[in-house]
Amino acid sequence: MPRSEYPADPWVKTYAAPDDCPGGEKLAAVDFDLPLYPRRAFNSGRQGWVIVRLDVDSDGQTENVSVERSLPAGLFGSNAKKAVEKWTFEPPRDGPLQNCRVLIRYRLGTVSLGG
């Protein structure tokens, strides 16, 4: 797929630092595996991104994981959500974190965390 056909990245200011949580604390992953590139997306040359919203409890476990936005819609979201639900983080210093965001990019068969 030519670069001109890549789905546009989210340029909304609130997504500028997707690994930050409200209040300024950064997420520090202890154990995480990136999602796999969905076979049907790979085979058809599709690319995109997903913004996943999550909470982190006082033990560093994820809670309330949801897809906030994804492009193209319906292609990468459930794959990203399932992966993030299994992640663990360093326990937050000041109690549970809420409304954290993580940007996951799907490009040319590769999955990466965006920022």
N, C-alpha and C. Protein backbone atom coordinates (compact mmCIF):
# COMPACT_ATOMS: atom_id res chain seq x y z
N MET A 1 0.85 -1.17 0.00
CA MET A 1 0.00 0.00 0.00
C MET A 1 0.90 1.24 0.00
N PRO A 2 0.69 2.17 -0.91
CA PRO A 2 1.48 3.40 -0.93
C PRO A 2 1.25 4.22 0.34
N ARG A 3 2.28 4.95 0.74
CA ARG A 3 2.19 5.77 1.95
C ARG A 3 1.00 6.72 1.90
N SER A 4 0.66 7.20 0.74
CA SER A 4 -0.47 8.13 0.61
C SER A 4 -1.80 7.49 1.01
N GLU A 5 -1.85 6.15 1.06
CA GLU A 5 -3.08 5.46 1.42
C GLU A 5 -3.11 5.02 2.88
N TYR A 6 -2.06 5.34 3.65
CA TYR A 6 -2.07 5.01 5.08
C TYR A 6 -3.24 5.73 5.74
N PRO A 7 -3.90 5.11 6.69
CA PRO A 7 -4.91 5.84 7.45
C PRO A 7 -4.24 6.97 8.23
N ALA A 8 -4.89 8.10 8.29
CA ALA A 8 -4.33 9.24 9.00
C ALA A 8 -4.19 8.93 10.49
N ASP A 9 -3.05 9.32 11.07
CA ASP A 9 -2.85 9.16 12.50
C ASP A 9 -3.71 10.17 13.25
N PRO A 10 -4.03 9.86 14.49
CA PRO A 10 -4.83 10.81 15.28
C PRO A 10 -3.99 12.03 15.65
N TRP A 11 -4.42 13.19 15.23
CA TRP A 11 -3.67 14.41 15.52
C TRP A 11 -4.34 15.26 16.58
N VAL A 12 -5.36 14.74 17.20
CA VAL A 12 -6.04 15.47 18.26
C VAL A 12 -5.06 15.66 19.42
N LYS A 13 -5.01 16.85 19.98
CA LYS A 13 -4.03 17.16 21.03
C LYS A 13 -4.05 16.16 22.18
N THR A 14 -5.22 15.70 22.59
CA THR A 14 -5.28 14.78 23.72
C THR A 14 -4.64 13.45 23.41
N TYR A 15 -4.35 13.16 22.16
CA TYR A 15 -3.69 11.91 21.82
C TYR A 15 -2.19 12.11 21.60
N ALA A 16 -1.68 13.30 21.87
CA ALA A 16 -0.28 13.58 21.61
C ALA A 16 0.65 12.73 22.46
N ALA A 17 0.24 12.37 23.65
CA ALA A 17 1.05 11.53 24.53
C ALA A 17 0.19 10.36 25.01
N PRO A 18 -0.05 9.38 24.12
CA PRO A 18 -1.03 8.35 24.44
C PRO A 18 -0.64 7.41 25.56
N ASP A 19 0.64 7.39 25.96
CA ASP A 19 1.01 6.50 27.05
C ASP A 19 0.93 7.21 28.40
N ASP A 20 0.45 8.42 28.42
CA ASP A 20 0.27 9.16 29.67
C ASP A 20 -1.14 8.98 30.18
N CYS A 21 -1.27 9.07 31.47
CA CYS A 21 -2.58 9.02 32.10
C CYS A 21 -2.90 10.41 32.61
N PRO A 22 -4.18 10.77 32.72
CA PRO A 22 -4.51 12.06 33.32
C PRO A 22 -3.83 12.18 34.68
N GLY A 23 -3.29 13.34 34.94
CA GLY A 23 -2.57 13.55 36.19
C GLY A 23 -1.07 13.48 35.98
N GLY A 24 -0.63 13.08 34.77
CA GLY A 24 0.77 13.14 34.42
C GLY A 24 1.60 11.91 34.67
N GLU A 25 1.05 10.86 35.28
CA GLU A 25 1.86 9.67 35.53
C GLU A 25 1.96 8.83 34.26
N LYS A 26 3.19 8.43 33.93
CA LYS A 26 3.41 7.60 32.75
C LYS A 26 3.18 6.14 33.07
N LEU A 27 2.67 5.41 32.09
CA LEU A 27 2.52 3.97 32.24
C LEU A 27 3.89 3.32 32.11
N ALA A 28 4.18 2.37 32.98
CA ALA A 28 5.44 1.62 32.92
C ALA A 28 5.11 0.14 32.84
N ALA A 29 5.15 -0.41 31.65
CA ALA A 29 4.77 -1.81 31.44
C ALA A 29 5.82 -2.74 32.04
N VAL A 30 5.35 -3.76 32.72
CA VAL A 30 6.21 -4.79 33.29
C VAL A 30 6.16 -6.02 32.39
N ASP A 31 4.99 -6.36 31.92
CA ASP A 31 4.81 -7.54 31.08
C ASP A 31 3.77 -7.22 30.01
N PHE A 32 4.20 -7.24 28.76
CA PHE A 32 3.24 -7.00 27.68
C PHE A 32 3.73 -7.62 26.39
N ASP A 33 2.81 -8.13 25.64
CA ASP A 33 3.08 -8.61 24.29
C ASP A 33 2.24 -7.76 23.35
N LEU A 34 2.87 -7.27 22.30
CA LEU A 34 2.12 -6.52 21.30
C LEU A 34 1.13 -7.45 20.62
N PRO A 35 0.01 -6.90 20.17
CA PRO A 35 -0.95 -7.74 19.44
C PRO A 35 -0.33 -8.26 18.15
N LEU A 36 -0.85 -9.37 17.68
CA LEU A 36 -0.42 -9.88 16.39
C LEU A 36 -1.12 -9.08 15.29
N TYR A 37 -0.47 -8.99 14.15
CA TYR A 37 -1.09 -8.33 13.00
C TYR A 37 -2.18 -9.27 12.48
N PRO A 38 -3.42 -8.83 12.41
CA PRO A 38 -4.49 -9.72 11.95
C PRO A 38 -4.21 -10.24 10.53
N ARG A 39 -4.37 -11.53 10.35
CA ARG A 39 -4.05 -12.17 9.07
C ARG A 39 -4.81 -11.53 7.91
N ARG A 40 -6.10 -11.29 8.09
CA ARG A 40 -6.87 -10.74 6.96
C ARG A 40 -6.41 -9.32 6.61
N ALA A 41 -5.96 -8.56 7.61
CA ALA A 41 -5.43 -7.22 7.34
C ALA A 41 -4.09 -7.32 6.62
N PHE A 42 -3.24 -8.21 7.07
CA PHE A 42 -1.93 -8.40 6.45
C PHE A 42 -2.09 -8.86 5.00
N ASN A 43 -2.93 -9.86 4.79
CA ASN A 43 -3.12 -10.41 3.44
C ASN A 43 -3.67 -9.39 2.46
N SER A 44 -4.44 -8.44 2.95
CA SER A 44 -5.02 -7.42 2.07
C SER A 44 -4.23 -6.11 2.08
N GLY A 45 -3.09 -6.08 2.80
CA GLY A 45 -2.25 -4.88 2.83
C GLY A 45 -2.83 -3.73 3.62
N ARG A 46 -3.75 -4.02 4.53
CA ARG A 46 -4.40 -2.96 5.31
C ARG A 46 -3.50 -2.53 6.47
N GLN A 47 -3.54 -1.23 6.76
CA GLN A 47 -2.78 -0.63 7.85
C GLN A 47 -3.71 0.26 8.65
N GLY A 48 -3.29 0.63 9.86
CA GLY A 48 -4.13 1.51 10.66
C GLY A 48 -3.59 1.71 12.05
N TRP A 49 -4.46 2.12 12.95
CA TRP A 49 -4.09 2.38 14.33
C TRP A 49 -5.29 2.21 15.23
N VAL A 50 -4.99 2.02 16.52
CA VAL A 50 -6.04 1.87 17.54
C VAL A 50 -5.61 2.67 18.76
N ILE A 51 -6.53 3.42 19.33
CA ILE A 51 -6.31 4.06 20.62
C ILE A 51 -7.11 3.26 21.63
N VAL A 52 -6.39 2.67 22.59
CA VAL A 52 -7.01 1.86 23.63
C VAL A 52 -7.01 2.66 24.92
N ARG A 53 -8.15 2.70 25.57
CA ARG A 53 -8.29 3.38 26.87
C ARG A 53 -8.31 2.29 27.94
N LEU A 54 -7.63 2.54 29.06
CA LEU A 54 -7.57 1.56 30.12
C LEU A 54 -7.36 2.21 31.47
N ASP A 55 -7.70 1.47 32.50
CA ASP A 55 -7.39 1.84 33.88
C ASP A 55 -6.35 0.85 34.37
N VAL A 56 -5.55 1.27 35.34
CA VAL A 56 -4.56 0.39 35.97
C VAL A 56 -4.84 0.39 37.46
N ASP A 57 -5.09 -0.80 38.02
CA ASP A 57 -5.42 -0.87 39.45
C ASP A 57 -4.15 -0.74 40.30
N SER A 58 -4.30 -0.73 41.60
CA SER A 58 -3.18 -0.49 42.51
C SER A 58 -2.13 -1.61 42.47
N ASP A 59 -2.47 -2.77 41.88
CA ASP A 59 -1.51 -3.86 41.72
C ASP A 59 -0.85 -3.88 40.34
N GLY A 60 -1.23 -2.95 39.47
CA GLY A 60 -0.66 -2.88 38.13
C GLY A 60 -1.41 -3.68 37.08
N GLN A 61 -2.59 -4.19 37.41
CA GLN A 61 -3.40 -4.95 36.46
C GLN A 61 -4.31 -4.01 35.68
N THR A 62 -4.58 -4.36 34.42
CA THR A 62 -5.47 -3.53 33.61
C THR A 62 -6.93 -3.80 33.96
N GLU A 63 -7.73 -2.77 33.85
CA GLU A 63 -9.18 -2.85 34.06
C GLU A 63 -9.85 -1.94 33.05
N ASN A 64 -11.11 -2.21 32.79
CA ASN A 64 -11.94 -1.33 31.94
C ASN A 64 -11.27 -0.99 30.61
N VAL A 65 -10.71 -1.99 29.97
CA VAL A 65 -10.04 -1.79 28.68
C VAL A 65 -11.10 -1.64 27.59
N SER A 66 -10.95 -0.60 26.78
CA SER A 66 -11.90 -0.38 25.69
C SER A 66 -11.19 0.28 24.51
N VAL A 67 -11.76 0.12 23.34
CA VAL A 67 -11.25 0.78 22.15
C VAL A 67 -11.91 2.15 22.08
N GLU A 68 -11.09 3.19 22.13
CA GLU A 68 -11.62 4.55 22.04
C GLU A 68 -11.83 4.95 20.58
N ARG A 69 -10.83 4.69 19.75
CA ARG A 69 -10.93 4.98 18.32
C ARG A 69 -10.06 3.99 17.58
N SER A 70 -10.45 3.69 16.37
CA SER A 70 -9.59 2.87 15.52
C SER A 70 -9.87 3.20 14.06
N LEU A 71 -8.84 3.01 13.25
CA LEU A 71 -8.97 3.25 11.83
C LEU A 71 -8.14 2.21 11.10
N PRO A 72 -8.68 1.50 10.16
CA PRO A 72 -10.08 1.48 9.80
C PRO A 72 -10.92 0.83 10.91
N ALA A 73 -12.11 1.31 11.05
CA ALA A 73 -13.01 0.83 12.10
C ALA A 73 -13.26 -0.67 11.93
N GLY A 74 -13.22 -1.39 13.04
CA GLY A 74 -13.57 -2.80 13.04
C GLY A 74 -12.49 -3.77 12.59
N LEU A 75 -11.33 -3.28 12.18
CA LEU A 75 -10.30 -4.19 11.66
C LEU A 75 -9.27 -4.58 12.72
N PHE A 76 -8.79 -3.62 13.50
CA PHE A 76 -7.72 -3.88 14.46
C PHE A 76 -8.15 -3.78 15.92
N GLY A 77 -9.30 -3.20 16.19
CA GLY A 77 -9.71 -2.88 17.56
C GLY A 77 -9.80 -4.05 18.51
N SER A 78 -10.49 -5.11 18.13
CA SER A 78 -10.66 -6.23 19.07
C SER A 78 -9.34 -6.93 19.33
N ASN A 79 -8.49 -6.99 18.32
CA ASN A 79 -7.17 -7.58 18.45
C ASN A 79 -6.33 -6.80 19.46
N ALA A 80 -6.34 -5.48 19.35
CA ALA A 80 -5.59 -4.63 20.28
C ALA A 80 -6.15 -4.72 21.69
N LYS A 81 -7.45 -4.70 21.83
CA LYS A 81 -8.10 -4.76 23.15
C LYS A 81 -7.73 -6.04 23.88
N LYS A 82 -7.79 -7.17 23.19
CA LYS A 82 -7.46 -8.46 23.82
C LYS A 82 -6.02 -8.48 24.31
N ALA A 83 -5.11 -7.91 23.55
CA ALA A 83 -3.70 -7.88 23.96
C ALA A 83 -3.52 -7.00 25.20
N VAL A 84 -4.10 -5.81 25.19
CA VAL A 84 -3.92 -4.87 26.31
C VAL A 84 -4.54 -5.41 27.59
N GLU A 85 -5.61 -6.16 27.50
CA GLU A 85 -6.24 -6.75 28.69
C GLU A 85 -5.28 -7.66 29.45
N LYS A 86 -4.27 -8.19 28.79
CA LYS A 86 -3.31 -9.10 29.42
C LYS A 86 -2.06 -8.39 29.95
N TRP A 87 -1.90 -7.12 29.67
CA TRP A 87 -0.70 -6.39 30.08
C TRP A 87 -0.70 -6.14 31.59
N THR A 88 0.49 -6.03 32.16
CA THR A 88 0.64 -5.60 33.55
C THR A 88 1.64 -4.44 33.59
N PHE A 89 1.44 -3.59 34.58
CA PHE A 89 2.25 -2.38 34.73
C PHE A 89 2.83 -2.30 36.13
N GLU A 90 3.84 -1.44 36.29
CA GLU A 90 4.32 -1.17 37.63
C GLU A 90 3.16 -0.59 38.42
N PRO A 91 3.00 -1.02 39.67
CA PRO A 91 1.90 -0.44 40.46
C PRO A 91 2.05 1.08 40.54
N PRO A 92 0.97 1.80 40.32
CA PRO A 92 1.03 3.26 40.37
C PRO A 92 1.42 3.75 41.77
N ARG A 93 2.17 4.82 41.83
CA ARG A 93 2.64 5.37 43.11
C ARG A 93 1.51 5.95 43.94
N ASP A 94 0.58 6.60 43.27
CA ASP A 94 -0.46 7.34 44.00
C ASP A 94 -1.84 6.73 43.86
N GLY A 95 -1.92 5.42 43.79
CA GLY A 95 -3.22 4.76 43.66
C GLY A 95 -3.56 4.46 42.22
N PRO A 96 -4.72 3.86 41.99
CA PRO A 96 -5.12 3.44 40.64
C PRO A 96 -5.11 4.59 39.64
N LEU A 97 -4.83 4.25 38.39
CA LEU A 97 -4.84 5.21 37.29
C LEU A 97 -6.08 4.97 36.44
N GLN A 98 -6.67 6.05 35.97
CA GLN A 98 -7.87 5.93 35.15
C GLN A 98 -7.70 6.70 33.86
N ASN A 99 -8.41 6.22 32.84
CA ASN A 99 -8.47 6.89 31.54
C ASN A 99 -7.10 7.08 30.89
N CYS A 100 -6.27 6.05 31.00
CA CYS A 100 -4.98 6.07 30.32
C CYS A 100 -5.22 5.70 28.85
N ARG A 101 -4.34 6.15 27.99
CA ARG A 101 -4.47 5.85 26.57
C ARG A 101 -3.17 5.26 26.04
N VAL A 102 -3.32 4.31 25.14
CA VAL A 102 -2.18 3.72 24.45
C VAL A 102 -2.52 3.70 22.96
N LEU A 103 -1.59 4.17 22.15
CA LEU A 103 -1.75 4.16 20.70
C LEU A 103 -0.99 2.96 20.15
N ILE A 104 -1.67 2.11 19.41
CA ILE A 104 -1.04 0.95 18.78
C ILE A 104 -1.16 1.13 17.28
N ARG A 105 0.00 1.08 16.60
CA ARG A 105 0.05 1.28 15.14
C ARG A 105 0.24 -0.06 14.43
N TYR A 106 -0.44 -0.20 13.33
CA TYR A 106 -0.31 -1.37 12.46
C TYR A 106 0.19 -0.87 11.11
N ARG A 107 1.47 -1.14 10.80
CA ARG A 107 2.08 -0.64 9.57
C ARG A 107 2.88 -1.74 8.88
N LEU A 108 2.56 -1.99 7.62
CA LEU A 108 3.34 -2.89 6.78
C LEU A 108 3.65 -4.21 7.46
N GLY A 109 2.68 -4.80 8.14
CA GLY A 109 2.86 -6.08 8.80
C GLY A 109 3.52 -6.00 10.16
N THR A 110 3.80 -4.80 10.65
CA THR A 110 4.47 -4.60 11.94
C THR A 110 3.54 -3.89 12.90
N VAL A 111 3.57 -4.30 14.16
CA VAL A 111 2.77 -3.65 15.20
C VAL A 111 3.73 -2.93 16.14
N SER A 112 3.42 -1.67 16.47
CA SER A 112 4.27 -0.91 17.38
C SER A 112 3.42 0.00 18.25
N LEU A 113 4.03 0.44 19.34
CA LEU A 113 3.37 1.43 20.20
C LEU A 113 3.73 2.80 19.67
N GLY A 114 2.74 3.65 19.56
CA GLY A 114 2.96 4.98 19.04
C GLY A 114 3.06 6.00 20.14
N GLY A 115 3.47 7.15 19.79
CA GLY A 115 3.58 8.21 20.77
C GLY A 115 3.70 9.53 20.11
